[in-house]
Amino acid sequence: MIELEPGNTLDISLKEDAQGRDRVEVTLQSPGCSLNLTPHQARVLATELIMAVNRAEVRSNLKHSQNVVRDAPPAEHRRGLFNQAFAK
């Protein structure tokens, strides 16, 4: 069970249909709101979720690294400090 927000949950469980085949059931707390997926469909959904999360993380990291680069001191200043430290 995954808590999406206080009082709202998402439950993922393995069920068996009338023919004895495995089904992955994704149920939101709201009554009547569920997905009944084959294992293949569940795998595709999981892959799509993982890919979307990876894209979001890459975007976040790119934004963060761009901000770090913008806030970095100019190259001449950094070189000057390096040279001063080893000028002896």
PDB file of N, CA and C in Angstrom:
ATOM      1  N   MET A   1       0.848  -1.177   0.000  1.00  0.00           N
ATOM      2  CA  MET A   1       0.000   0.000   0.000  1.00  0.00           C
ATOM      3  C   MET A   1       0.898   1.246   0.000  1.00  0.00           C
ATOM      4  N   ILE A   2       0.511   2.216  -0.809  1.00  0.00           N
ATOM      5  CA  ILE A   2       1.267   3.459  -0.930  1.00  0.00           C
ATOM      6  C   ILE A   2       0.348   4.603  -0.513  1.00  0.00           C
ATOM      7  N   GLU A   3       0.799   5.430   0.411  1.00  0.00           N
ATOM      8  CA  GLU A   3      -0.003   6.588   0.806  1.00  0.00           C
ATOM      9  C   GLU A   3       0.354   7.742  -0.123  1.00  0.00           C
ATOM     10  N   LEU A   4      -0.613   8.158  -0.942  1.00  0.00           N
ATOM     11  CA  LEU A   4      -0.394   9.237  -1.889  1.00  0.00           C
ATOM     12  C   LEU A   4      -0.446  10.588  -1.198  1.00  0.00           C
ATOM     13  N   GLU A   5      -1.390  10.760  -0.342  1.00  0.00           N
ATOM     14  CA  GLU A   5      -1.554  11.950   0.489  1.00  0.00           C
ATOM     15  C   GLU A   5      -2.336  11.495   1.698  1.00  0.00           C
ATOM     16  N   PRO A   6      -2.388  12.259   2.747  1.00  0.00           N
ATOM     17  CA  PRO A   6      -3.080  11.802   3.953  1.00  0.00           C
ATOM     18  C   PRO A   6      -4.510  11.330   3.648  1.00  0.00           C
ATOM     19  N   GLY A   7      -4.761  10.063   3.986  1.00  0.00           N
ATOM     20  CA  GLY A   7      -6.094   9.500   3.805  1.00  0.00           C
ATOM     21  C   GLY A   7      -6.378   8.970   2.410  1.00  0.00           C
ATOM     22  N   ASN A   8      -5.435   9.079   1.470  1.00  0.00           N
ATOM     23  CA  ASN A   8      -5.647   8.602   0.109  1.00  0.00           C
ATOM     24  C   ASN A   8      -4.541   7.603  -0.223  1.00  0.00           C
ATOM     25  N   THR A   9      -4.924   6.350  -0.493  1.00  0.00           N
ATOM     26  CA  THR A   9      -3.925   5.314  -0.702  1.00  0.00           C
ATOM     27  C   THR A   9      -4.085   4.621  -2.047  1.00  0.00           C
ATOM     28  N   LEU A  10      -3.020   3.974  -2.448  1.00  0.00           N
ATOM     29  CA  LEU A  10      -2.963   3.176  -3.673  1.00  0.00           C
ATOM     30  C   LEU A  10      -2.502   1.789  -3.250  1.00  0.00           C
ATOM     31  N   ASP A  11      -3.265   0.778  -3.631  1.00  0.00           N
ATOM     32  CA  ASP A  11      -2.942  -0.591  -3.243  1.00  0.00           C
ATOM     33  C   ASP A  11      -2.668  -1.409  -4.501  1.00  0.00           C
ATOM     34  N   ILE A  12      -1.602  -2.194  -4.480  1.00  0.00           N
ATOM     35  CA  ILE A  12      -1.238  -3.053  -5.604  1.00  0.00           C
ATOM     36  C   ILE A  12      -1.211  -4.482  -5.088  1.00  0.00           C
ATOM     37  N   SER A  13      -2.000  -5.349  -5.742  1.00  0.00           N
ATOM     38  CA  SER A  13      -2.060  -6.733  -5.287  1.00  0.00           C
ATOM     39  C   SER A  13      -2.170  -7.696  -6.458  1.00  0.00           C
ATOM     40  N   LEU A  14      -1.778  -8.939  -6.217  1.00  0.00           N
ATOM     41  CA  LEU A  14      -1.869  -9.989  -7.204  1.00  0.00           C
ATOM     42  C   LEU A  14      -3.153 -10.765  -6.959  1.00  0.00           C
ATOM     43  N   LYS A  15      -3.992 -10.879  -7.974  1.00  0.00           N
ATOM     44  CA  LYS A  15      -5.269 -11.595  -7.874  1.00  0.00           C
ATOM     45  C   LYS A  15      -5.297 -12.683  -8.931  1.00  0.00           C
ATOM     46  N   GLU A  16      -6.275 -13.520  -8.848  1.00  0.00           N
ATOM     47  CA  GLU A  16      -6.484 -14.557  -9.847  1.00  0.00           C
ATOM     48  C   GLU A  16      -7.867 -14.363 -10.451  1.00  0.00           C
ATOM     49  N   ASP A  17      -7.951 -14.401 -11.787  1.00  0.00           N
ATOM     50  CA  ASP A  17      -9.266 -14.226 -12.414  1.00  0.00           C
ATOM     51  C   ASP A  17     -10.031 -15.552 -12.435  1.00  0.00           C
ATOM     52  N   ALA A  18     -11.231 -15.566 -13.028  1.00  0.00           N
ATOM     53  CA  ALA A  18     -12.102 -16.746 -13.041  1.00  0.00           C
ATOM     54  C   ALA A  18     -11.461 -17.936 -13.761  1.00  0.00           C
ATOM     55  N   GLN A  19     -10.572 -17.662 -14.704  1.00  0.00           N
ATOM     56  CA  GLN A  19      -9.899 -18.730 -15.445  1.00  0.00           C
ATOM     57  C   GLN A  19      -8.594 -19.176 -14.776  1.00  0.00           C
ATOM     58  N   GLY A  20      -8.275 -18.623 -13.617  1.00  0.00           N
ATOM     59  CA  GLY A  20      -7.075 -19.001 -12.886  1.00  0.00           C
ATOM     60  C   GLY A  20      -5.814 -18.280 -13.322  1.00  0.00           C
ATOM     61  N   ARG A  21      -5.962 -17.252 -14.138  1.00  0.00           N
ATOM     62  CA  ARG A  21      -4.800 -16.478 -14.591  1.00  0.00           C
ATOM     63  C   ARG A  21      -4.498 -15.370 -13.590  1.00  0.00           C
ATOM     64  N   ASP A  22      -3.208 -15.074 -13.462  1.00  0.00           N
ATOM     65  CA  ASP A  22      -2.793 -13.996 -12.562  1.00  0.00           C
ATOM     66  C   ASP A  22      -3.179 -12.649 -13.144  1.00  0.00           C
ATOM     67  N   ARG A  23      -3.610 -11.750 -12.272  1.00  0.00           N
ATOM     68  CA  ARG A  23      -3.921 -10.372 -12.627  1.00  0.00           C
ATOM     69  C   ARG A  23      -3.300  -9.476 -11.575  1.00  0.00           C
ATOM     70  N   VAL A  24      -2.807  -8.331 -11.993  1.00  0.00           N
ATOM     71  CA  VAL A  24      -2.278  -7.336 -11.063  1.00  0.00           C
ATOM     72  C   VAL A  24      -3.353  -6.268 -10.925  1.00  0.00           C
ATOM     73  N   GLU A  25      -3.805  -6.066  -9.710  1.00  0.00           N
ATOM     74  CA  GLU A  25      -4.871  -5.093  -9.468  1.00  0.00           C
ATOM     75  C   GLU A  25      -4.302  -3.868  -8.763  1.00  0.00           C
ATOM     76  N   VAL A  26      -4.509  -2.720  -9.367  1.00  0.00           N
ATOM     77  CA  VAL A  26      -4.088  -1.443  -8.803  1.00  0.00           C
ATOM     78  C   VAL A  26      -5.357  -0.717  -8.402  1.00  0.00           C
ATOM     79  N   THR A  27      -5.528  -0.472  -7.103  1.00  0.00           N
ATOM     80  CA  THR A  27      -6.772   0.101  -6.591  1.00  0.00           C
ATOM     81  C   THR A  27      -6.507   1.398  -5.842  1.00  0.00           C
ATOM     82  N   LEU A  28      -7.236   2.443  -6.225  1.00  0.00           N
ATOM     83  CA  LEU A  28      -7.226   3.689  -5.457  1.00  0.00           C
ATOM     84  C   LEU A  28      -8.252   3.561  -4.349  1.00  0.00           C
ATOM     85  N   GLN A  29      -8.070   4.301  -3.315  1.00  0.00           N
ATOM     86  CA  GLN A  29      -8.970   4.214  -2.169  1.00  0.00           C
ATOM     87  C   GLN A  29     -10.418   4.495  -2.562  1.00  0.00           C
ATOM     88  N   SER A  30     -10.629   5.355  -3.549  1.00  0.00           N
ATOM     89  CA  SER A  30     -11.981   5.665  -3.992  1.00  0.00           C
ATOM     90  C   SER A  30     -12.674   4.386  -4.447  1.00  0.00           C
ATOM     91  N   PRO A  31     -13.921   4.168  -4.054  1.00  0.00           N
ATOM     92  CA  PRO A  31     -14.611   2.935  -4.452  1.00  0.00           C
ATOM     93  C   PRO A  31     -14.794   2.855  -5.972  1.00  0.00           C
ATOM     94  N   GLY A  32     -14.551   1.673  -6.486  1.00  0.00           N
ATOM     95  CA  GLY A  32     -14.752   1.455  -7.913  1.00  0.00           C
ATOM     96  C   GLY A  32     -13.642   1.981  -8.794  1.00  0.00           C
ATOM     97  N   CYS A  33     -12.542   2.416  -8.227  1.00  0.00           N
ATOM     98  CA  CYS A  33     -11.450   2.986  -9.015  1.00  0.00           C
ATOM     99  C   CYS A  33     -10.264   2.027  -8.969  1.00  0.00           C
ATOM    100  N   SER A  34     -10.194   1.125  -9.973  1.00  0.00           N
ATOM    101  CA  SER A  34      -9.086   0.172  -9.984  1.00  0.00           C
ATOM    102  C   SER A  34      -8.724  -0.206 -11.415  1.00  0.00           C
ATOM    103  N   LEU A  35      -7.494  -0.653 -11.569  1.00  0.00           N
ATOM    104  CA  LEU A  35      -7.001  -1.188 -12.835  1.00  0.00           C
ATOM    105  C   LEU A  35      -6.775  -2.674 -12.630  1.00  0.00           C
ATOM    106  N   ASN A  36      -7.262  -3.480 -13.560  1.00  0.00           N
ATOM    107  CA  ASN A  36      -7.064  -4.914 -13.503  1.00  0.00           C
ATOM    108  C   ASN A  36      -6.193  -5.275 -14.696  1.00  0.00           C
ATOM    109  N   LEU A  37      -4.895  -5.532 -14.458  1.00  0.00           N
ATOM    110  CA  LEU A  37      -3.913  -5.674 -15.520  1.00  0.00           C
ATOM    111  C   LEU A  37      -3.349  -7.088 -15.600  1.00  0.00           C
ATOM    112  N   THR A  38      -2.982  -7.479 -16.822  1.00  0.00           N
ATOM    113  CA  THR A  38      -2.216  -8.713 -16.964  1.00  0.00           C
ATOM    114  C   THR A  38      -0.807  -8.425 -16.454  1.00  0.00           C
ATOM    115  N   PRO A  39      -0.042  -9.461 -16.140  1.00  0.00           N
ATOM    116  CA  PRO A  39       1.343  -9.208 -15.718  1.00  0.00           C
ATOM    117  C   PRO A  39       2.127  -8.412 -16.754  1.00  0.00           C
ATOM    118  N   HIS A  40       1.902  -8.682 -18.030  1.00  0.00           N
ATOM    119  CA  HIS A  40       2.602  -7.918 -19.075  1.00  0.00           C
ATOM    120  C   HIS A  40       2.208  -6.446 -19.033  1.00  0.00           C
ATOM    121  N   GLN A  41       0.911  -6.166 -18.921  1.00  0.00           N
ATOM    122  CA  GLN A  41       0.447  -4.776 -18.859  1.00  0.00           C
ATOM    123  C   GLN A  41       1.012  -4.080 -17.623  1.00  0.00           C
ATOM    124  N   ALA A  42       1.060  -4.780 -16.498  1.00  0.00           N
ATOM    125  CA  ALA A  42       1.612  -4.204 -15.268  1.00  0.00           C
ATOM    126  C   ALA A  42       3.101  -3.893 -15.439  1.00  0.00           C
ATOM    127  N   ARG A  43       3.827  -4.786 -16.138  1.00  0.00           N
ATOM    128  CA  ARG A  43       5.250  -4.563 -16.381  1.00  0.00           C
ATOM    129  C   ARG A  43       5.468  -3.339 -17.260  1.00  0.00           C
ATOM    130  N   VAL A  44       4.628  -3.193 -18.306  1.00  0.00           N
ATOM    131  CA  VAL A  44       4.736  -2.022 -19.179  1.00  0.00           C
ATOM    132  C   VAL A  44       4.444  -0.751 -18.389  1.00  0.00           C
ATOM    133  N   LEU A  45       3.399  -0.782 -17.554  1.00  0.00           N
ATOM    134  CA  LEU A  45       3.067   0.375 -16.715  1.00  0.00           C
ATOM    135  C   LEU A  45       4.226   0.711 -15.781  1.00  0.00           C
ATOM    136  N   ALA A  46       4.805  -0.304 -15.155  1.00  0.00           N
ATOM    137  CA  ALA A  46       5.929  -0.074 -14.243  1.00  0.00           C
ATOM    138  C   ALA A  46       7.117   0.528 -14.983  1.00  0.00           C
ATOM    139  N   THR A  47       7.376   0.032 -16.179  1.00  0.00           N
ATOM    140  CA  THR A  47       8.485   0.565 -16.980  1.00  0.00           C
ATOM    141  C   THR A  47       8.243   2.021 -17.337  1.00  0.00           C
ATOM    142  N   GLU A  48       7.015   2.346 -17.740  1.00  0.00           N
ATOM    143  CA  GLU A  48       6.682   3.737 -18.073  1.00  0.00           C
ATOM    144  C   GLU A  48       6.834   4.637 -16.854  1.00  0.00           C
ATOM    145  N   LEU A  49       6.414   4.162 -15.692  1.00  0.00           N
ATOM    146  CA  LEU A  49       6.568   4.943 -14.458  1.00  0.00           C
ATOM    147  C   LEU A  49       8.043   5.187 -14.151  1.00  0.00           C
ATOM    148  N   ILE A  50       8.853   4.147 -14.262  1.00  0.00           N
ATOM    149  CA  ILE A  50      10.278   4.283 -13.983  1.00  0.00           C
ATOM    150  C   ILE A  50      10.925   5.261 -14.954  1.00  0.00           C
ATOM    151  N   MET A  51      10.578   5.164 -16.233  1.00  0.00           N
ATOM    152  CA  MET A  51      11.155   6.076 -17.220  1.00  0.00           C
ATOM    153  C   MET A  51      10.746   7.519 -16.934  1.00  0.00           C
ATOM    154  N   ALA A  52       9.490   7.745 -16.541  1.00  0.00           N
ATOM    155  CA  ALA A  52       9.034   9.100 -16.225  1.00  0.00           C
ATOM    156  C   ALA A  52       9.772   9.644 -14.999  1.00  0.00           C
ATOM    157  N   VAL A  53       9.974   8.809 -13.995  1.00  0.00           N
ATOM    158  CA  VAL A  53      10.707   9.228 -12.796  1.00  0.00           C
ATOM    159  C   VAL A  53      12.153   9.556 -13.157  1.00  0.00           C
ATOM    160  N   ASN A  54      12.773   8.728 -13.988  1.00  0.00           N
ATOM    161  CA  ASN A  54      14.153   9.004 -14.412  1.00  0.00           C
ATOM    162  C   ASN A  54      14.246  10.335 -15.154  1.00  0.00           C
ATOM    163  N   ARG A  55      13.294  10.603 -16.048  1.00  0.00           N
ATOM    164  CA  ARG A  55      13.299  11.884 -16.776  1.00  0.00           C
ATOM    165  C   ARG A  55      13.148  13.053 -15.800  1.00  0.00           C
ATOM    166  N   ALA A  56      12.266  12.896 -14.818  1.00  0.00           N
ATOM    167  CA  ALA A  56      12.072  13.961 -13.824  1.00  0.00           C
ATOM    168  C   ALA A  56      13.347  14.189 -13.024  1.00  0.00           C
ATOM    169  N   GLU A  57      14.037  13.114 -12.658  1.00  0.00           N
ATOM    170  CA  GLU A  57      15.281  13.257 -11.896  1.00  0.00           C
ATOM    171  C   GLU A  57      16.372  13.915 -12.733  1.00  0.00           C
ATOM    172  N   VAL A  58      16.458  13.547 -14.007  1.00  0.00           N
ATOM    173  CA  VAL A  58      17.450  14.165 -14.886  1.00  0.00           C
ATOM    174  C   VAL A  58      17.172  15.653 -15.032  1.00  0.00           C
ATOM    175  N   ARG A  59      15.907  16.016 -15.242  1.00  0.00           N
ATOM    176  CA  ARG A  59      15.545  17.443 -15.343  1.00  0.00           C
ATOM    177  C   ARG A  59      15.929  18.194 -14.084  1.00  0.00           C
ATOM    178  N   SER A  60      15.614  17.603 -12.946  1.00  0.00           N
ATOM    179  CA  SER A  60      15.931  18.244 -11.670  1.00  0.00           C
ATOM    180  C   SER A  60      17.436  18.417 -11.510  1.00  0.00           C
ATOM    181  N   ASN A  61      18.198  17.379 -11.870  1.00  0.00           N
ATOM    182  CA  ASN A  61      19.656  17.465 -11.762  1.00  0.00           C
ATOM    183  C   ASN A  61      20.223  18.497 -12.725  1.00  0.00           C
ATOM    184  N   LEU A  62      19.663  18.580 -13.935  1.00  0.00           N
ATOM    185  CA  LEU A  62      20.136  19.581 -14.893  1.00  0.00           C
ATOM    186  C   LEU A  62      19.863  20.990 -14.385  1.00  0.00           C
ATOM    187  N   LYS A  63      18.670  21.208 -13.834  1.00  0.00           N
ATOM    188  CA  LYS A  63      18.344  22.529 -13.283  1.00  0.00           C
ATOM    189  C   LYS A  63      19.288  22.868 -12.144  1.00  0.00           C
ATOM    190  N   HIS A  64      19.549  21.878 -11.290  1.00  0.00           N
ATOM    191  CA  HIS A  64      20.433  22.102 -10.140  1.00  0.00           C
ATOM    192  C   HIS A  64      21.852  22.402 -10.619  1.00  0.00           C
ATOM    193  N   SER A  65      22.350  21.636 -11.589  1.00  0.00           N
ATOM    194  CA  SER A  65      23.722  21.853 -12.055  1.00  0.00           C
ATOM    195  C   SER A  65      23.853  23.181 -12.793  1.00  0.00           C
ATOM    196  N   GLN A  66      22.818  23.617 -13.497  1.00  0.00           N
ATOM    197  CA  GLN A  66      22.867  24.928 -14.150  1.00  0.00           C
ATOM    198  C   GLN A  66      22.930  26.035 -13.123  1.00  0.00           C
ATOM    199  N   ASN A  67      22.212  25.874 -12.021  1.00  0.00           N
ATOM    200  CA  ASN A  67      22.261  26.879 -10.958  1.00  0.00           C
ATOM    201  C   ASN A  67      23.626  26.897 -10.292  1.00  0.00           C
ATOM    202  N   VAL A  68      24.247  25.755 -10.131  1.00  0.00           N
ATOM    203  CA  VAL A  68      25.571  25.691  -9.515  1.00  0.00           C
ATOM    204  C   VAL A  68      26.582  26.375 -10.425  1.00  0.00           C
ATOM    205  N   VAL A  69      26.499  26.130 -11.726  1.00  0.00           N
ATOM    206  CA  VAL A  69      27.427  26.742 -12.678  1.00  0.00           C
ATOM    207  C   VAL A  69      27.249  28.249 -12.687  1.00  0.00           C
ATOM    208  N   ARG A  70      26.008  28.727 -12.644  1.00  0.00           N
ATOM    209  CA  ARG A  70      25.756  30.179 -12.639  1.00  0.00           C
ATOM    210  C   ARG A  70      26.327  30.841 -11.396  1.00  0.00           C
ATOM    211  N   ASP A  71      26.293  30.119 -10.267  1.00  0.00           N
ATOM    212  CA  ASP A  71      26.766  30.697  -9.005  1.00  0.00           C
ATOM    213  C   ASP A  71      28.268  30.526  -8.803  1.00  0.00           C
ATOM    214  N   ALA A  72      28.944  29.818  -9.692  1.00  0.00           N
ATOM    215  CA  ALA A  72      30.379  29.566  -9.540  1.00  0.00           C
ATOM    216  C   ALA A  72      31.161  30.845  -9.832  1.00  0.00           C
ATOM    217  N   PRO A  73      32.298  31.038  -9.148  1.00  0.00           N
ATOM    218  CA  PRO A  73      33.134  32.221  -9.418  1.00  0.00           C
ATOM    219  C   PRO A  73      33.758  32.110 -10.808  1.00  0.00           C
ATOM    220  N   PRO A  74      34.136  33.216 -11.405  1.00  0.00           N
ATOM    221  CA  PRO A  74      34.767  33.182 -12.726  1.00  0.00           C
ATOM    222  C   PRO A  74      36.035  32.343 -12.712  1.00  0.00           C
ATOM    223  N   ALA A  75      36.402  31.769 -13.862  1.00  0.00           N
ATOM    224  CA  ALA A  75      37.551  30.873 -13.963  1.00  0.00           C
ATOM    225  C   ALA A  75      38.840  31.576 -13.556  1.00  0.00           C
ATOM    226  N   GLU A  76      39.012  32.851 -13.943  1.00  0.00           N
ATOM    227  CA  GLU A  76      40.236  33.566 -13.602  1.00  0.00           C
ATOM    228  C   GLU A  76      40.399  33.667 -12.090  1.00  0.00           C
ATOM    229  N   HIS A  77      39.308  33.884 -11.403  1.00  0.00           N
ATOM    230  CA  HIS A  77      39.356  34.012  -9.954  1.00  0.00           C
ATOM    231  C   HIS A  77      39.769  32.690  -9.321  1.00  0.00           C
ATOM    232  N   ARG A  78      39.224  31.601  -9.807  1.00  0.00           N
ATOM    233  CA  ARG A  78      39.587  30.296  -9.265  1.00  0.00           C
ATOM    234  C   ARG A  78      41.054  29.995  -9.542  1.00  0.00           C
ATOM    235  N   ARG A  79      41.518  30.271 -10.753  1.00  0.00           N
ATOM    236  CA  ARG A  79      42.922  30.038 -11.099  1.00  0.00           C
ATOM    237  C   ARG A  79      43.834  30.894 -10.231  1.00  0.00           C
ATOM    238  N   GLY A  80      43.434  32.121  -9.993  1.00  0.00           N
ATOM    239  CA  GLY A  80      44.238  33.022  -9.179  1.00  0.00           C
ATOM    240  C   GLY A  80      44.406  32.478  -7.769  1.00  0.00           C
ATOM    241  N   LEU A  81      43.367  31.962  -7.190  1.00  0.00           N
ATOM    242  CA  LEU A  81      43.461  31.389  -5.852  1.00  0.00           C
ATOM    243  C   LEU A  81      44.355  30.153  -5.862  1.00  0.00           C
ATOM    244  N   PHE A  82      44.246  29.336  -6.909  1.00  0.00           N
ATOM    245  CA  PHE A  82      45.086  28.142  -7.026  1.00  0.00           C
ATOM    246  C   PHE A  82      46.563  28.538  -7.138  1.00  0.00           C
ATOM    247  N   ASN A  83      46.835  29.514  -7.996  1.00  0.00           N
ATOM    248  CA  ASN A  83      48.220  29.962  -8.165  1.00  0.00           C
ATOM    249  C   ASN A  83      48.769  30.572  -6.896  1.00  0.00           C
ATOM    250  N   GLN A  84      47.950  31.319  -6.172  1.00  0.00           N
ATOM    251  CA  GLN A  84      48.412  31.933  -4.919  1.00  0.00           C
ATOM    252  C   GLN A  84      48.793  30.849  -3.901  1.00  0.00           C
ATOM    253  N   ALA A  85      48.042  29.771  -3.879  1.00  0.00           N
ATOM    254  CA  ALA A  85      48.293  28.728  -2.906  1.00  0.00           C
ATOM    255  C   ALA A  85      49.605  28.017  -3.181  1.00  0.00           C
ATOM    256  N   PHE A  86      49.977  27.882  -4.457  1.00  0.00           N
ATOM    257  CA  PHE A  86      51.176  27.134  -4.812  1.00  0.00           C
ATOM    258  C   PHE A  86      52.255  28.037  -5.402  1.00  0.00           C
ATOM    259  N   ALA A  87      52.246  29.322  -5.098  1.00  0.00           N
ATOM    260  CA  ALA A  87      53.196  30.281  -5.677  1.00  0.00           C
ATOM    261  C   ALA A  87      54.588  30.162  -5.080  1.00  0.00           C
ATOM    262  N   LYS A  88      54.776  29.501  -3.981  1.00  0.00           N
ATOM    263  CA  LYS A  88      56.074  29.437  -3.282  1.00  0.00           C
ATOM    264  C   LYS A  88      57.098  28.645  -4.008  1.00  0.00           C
TER     265      LYS A  88
END
